[in-house]
Amino acid sequence: MNDGNTSDHQIFELDLAAHEARRRTEILAALGDTWDPIAVVEGEDEAYRLLYSGLDAEQQATYDMLIAAEVLPGPGQG
């Protein structure tokens, strides 16, 4: 019977599903009960809007070119 093991190599399997579930549980516990993912996303959207507001004409043209080339996400796509 060939089980894939040789004198030089041993098959080793590790199921990370339990570890991943524990990792996610610990992350949520660390974030606490007051963490509001919707508020976080809204804050990131507002920061993105502020970052690209008040551009002069040349900066706006470059920004528009980067959006058209899909280097940067367009407004509402970030």
C-alpha atoms as a PDB file:
ATOM      1  CA  MET A   1       0.000   0.000   0.000  1.00  0.00           C
ATOM      2  CA  ASN A   2       1.340   3.409  -0.973  1.00  0.00           C
ATOM      3  CA  ASP A   3       0.168   5.973   1.540  1.00  0.00           C
ATOM      4  CA  GLY A   4       2.476   8.700   0.208  1.00  0.00           C
ATOM      5  CA  ASN A   5       4.974   8.395   3.041  1.00  0.00           C
ATOM      6  CA  THR A   6       8.576   7.648   2.233  1.00  0.00           C
ATOM      7  CA  SER A   7      11.646   7.429   4.385  1.00  0.00           C
ATOM      8  CA  ASP A   8      12.414  11.077   3.531  1.00  0.00           C
ATOM      9  CA  HIS A   9       8.937  12.542   3.526  1.00  0.00           C
ATOM     10  CA  GLN A  10       5.965  12.268   5.842  1.00  0.00           C
ATOM     11  CA  ILE A  11       2.508  13.566   4.994  1.00  0.00           C
ATOM     12  CA  PHE A  12       1.364  16.110   7.524  1.00  0.00           C
ATOM     13  CA  GLU A  13      -2.119  17.583   7.465  1.00  0.00           C
ATOM     14  CA  LEU A  14      -3.348  20.428   9.594  1.00  0.00           C
ATOM     15  CA  ASP A  15      -6.924  21.620   9.627  1.00  0.00           C
ATOM     16  CA  LEU A  16      -6.892  25.355  10.301  1.00  0.00           C
ATOM     17  CA  ALA A  17     -10.679  25.737  10.472  1.00  0.00           C
ATOM     18  CA  ALA A  18     -10.808  25.594  14.270  1.00  0.00           C
ATOM     19  CA  HIS A  19      -7.873  27.994  14.530  1.00  0.00           C
ATOM     20  CA  GLU A  20      -9.547  30.410  12.107  1.00  0.00           C
ATOM     21  CA  ALA A  21     -12.806  30.319  14.061  1.00  0.00           C
ATOM     22  CA  ARG A  22     -10.910  31.039  17.295  1.00  0.00           C
ATOM     23  CA  ARG A  23      -8.935  33.846  15.627  1.00  0.00           C
ATOM     24  CA  ARG A  24     -12.132  35.522  14.418  1.00  0.00           C
ATOM     25  CA  THR A  25     -13.733  35.167  17.844  1.00  0.00           C
ATOM     26  CA  GLU A  26     -10.709  36.783  19.489  1.00  0.00           C
ATOM     27  CA  ILE A  27     -10.740  39.659  16.983  1.00  0.00           C
ATOM     28  CA  LEU A  28     -14.404  40.393  17.656  1.00  0.00           C
ATOM     29  CA  ALA A  29     -13.809  40.179  21.401  1.00  0.00           C
ATOM     30  CA  ALA A  30     -10.905  42.639  21.105  1.00  0.00           C
ATOM     31  CA  LEU A  31     -13.041  45.069  19.106  1.00  0.00           C
ATOM     32  CA  GLY A  32     -15.597  45.091  21.902  1.00  0.00           C
ATOM     33  CA  ASP A  33     -19.313  45.716  21.976  1.00  0.00           C
ATOM     34  CA  THR A  34     -19.040  49.347  20.874  1.00  0.00           C
ATOM     35  CA  TRP A  35     -17.425  48.622  17.499  1.00  0.00           C
ATOM     36  CA  ASP A  36     -19.722  49.818  14.722  1.00  0.00           C
ATOM     37  CA  PRO A  37     -18.583  48.564  11.305  1.00  0.00           C
ATOM     38  CA  ILE A  38     -21.055  50.820   9.469  1.00  0.00           C
ATOM     39  CA  ALA A  39     -19.681  53.898  11.223  1.00  0.00           C
ATOM     40  CA  VAL A  40     -16.146  52.775  10.348  1.00  0.00           C
ATOM     41  CA  VAL A  41     -17.008  52.466   6.654  1.00  0.00           C
ATOM     42  CA  GLU A  42     -18.811  55.820   6.681  1.00  0.00           C
ATOM     43  CA  GLY A  43     -15.762  57.405   8.324  1.00  0.00           C
ATOM     44  CA  GLU A  44     -13.465  55.906   5.693  1.00  0.00           C
ATOM     45  CA  ASP A  45     -15.727  57.208   2.916  1.00  0.00           C
ATOM     46  CA  GLU A  46     -15.686  60.691   4.444  1.00  0.00           C
ATOM     47  CA  ALA A  47     -11.889  60.604   4.761  1.00  0.00           C
ATOM     48  CA  TYR A  48     -11.614  59.546   1.103  1.00  0.00           C
ATOM     49  CA  ARG A  49     -13.877  62.436   0.045  1.00  0.00           C
ATOM     50  CA  LEU A  50     -11.820  64.899   2.070  1.00  0.00           C
ATOM     51  CA  LEU A  51      -8.554  63.547   0.686  1.00  0.00           C
ATOM     52  CA  TYR A  52      -9.588  64.243  -2.889  1.00  0.00           C
ATOM     53  CA  SER A  53     -11.527  67.466  -2.297  1.00  0.00           C
ATOM     54  CA  GLY A  54     -10.182  70.900  -3.112  1.00  0.00           C
ATOM     55  CA  LEU A  55      -7.936  69.718  -5.944  1.00  0.00           C
ATOM     56  CA  ASP A  56      -6.691  72.294  -8.421  1.00  0.00           C
ATOM     57  CA  ALA A  57      -7.383  71.752 -12.145  1.00  0.00           C
ATOM     58  CA  GLU A  58      -4.180  69.780 -12.810  1.00  0.00           C
ATOM     59  CA  GLN A  59      -4.654  67.592  -9.749  1.00  0.00           C
ATOM     60  CA  GLN A  60      -8.294  66.979 -10.684  1.00  0.00           C
ATOM     61  CA  ALA A  61      -7.279  65.969 -14.215  1.00  0.00           C
ATOM     62  CA  THR A  62      -4.716  63.518 -12.797  1.00  0.00           C
ATOM     63  CA  TYR A  63      -7.283  62.173 -10.341  1.00  0.00           C
ATOM     64  CA  ASP A  64      -9.837  61.705 -13.135  1.00  0.00           C
ATOM     65  CA  MET A  65      -7.213  59.946 -15.269  1.00  0.00           C
ATOM     66  CA  LEU A  66      -6.373  57.552 -12.409  1.00  0.00           C
ATOM     67  CA  ILE A  67     -10.058  56.755 -11.917  1.00  0.00           C
ATOM     68  CA  ALA A  68     -10.533  56.152 -15.656  1.00  0.00           C
ATOM     69  CA  ALA A  69      -7.493  53.831 -15.646  1.00  0.00           C
ATOM     70  CA  GLU A  70      -9.004  52.040 -12.599  1.00  0.00           C
ATOM     71  CA  VAL A  71      -5.905  52.771 -10.539  1.00  0.00           C
ATOM     72  CA  LEU A  72      -8.103  54.512  -7.972  1.00  0.00           C
ATOM     73  CA  PRO A  73     -11.719  53.643  -7.209  1.00  0.00           C
ATOM     74  CA  GLY A  74     -14.244  56.238  -8.230  1.00  0.00           C
ATOM     75  CA  PRO A  75     -16.470  58.032  -5.753  1.00  0.00           C
ATOM     76  CA  GLY A  76     -18.683  55.540  -3.936  1.00  0.00           C
ATOM     77  CA  GLN A  77     -16.619  52.554  -5.094  1.00  0.00           C
ATOM     78  CA  GLY A  78     -13.954  52.564  -2.381  1.00  0.00           C
END
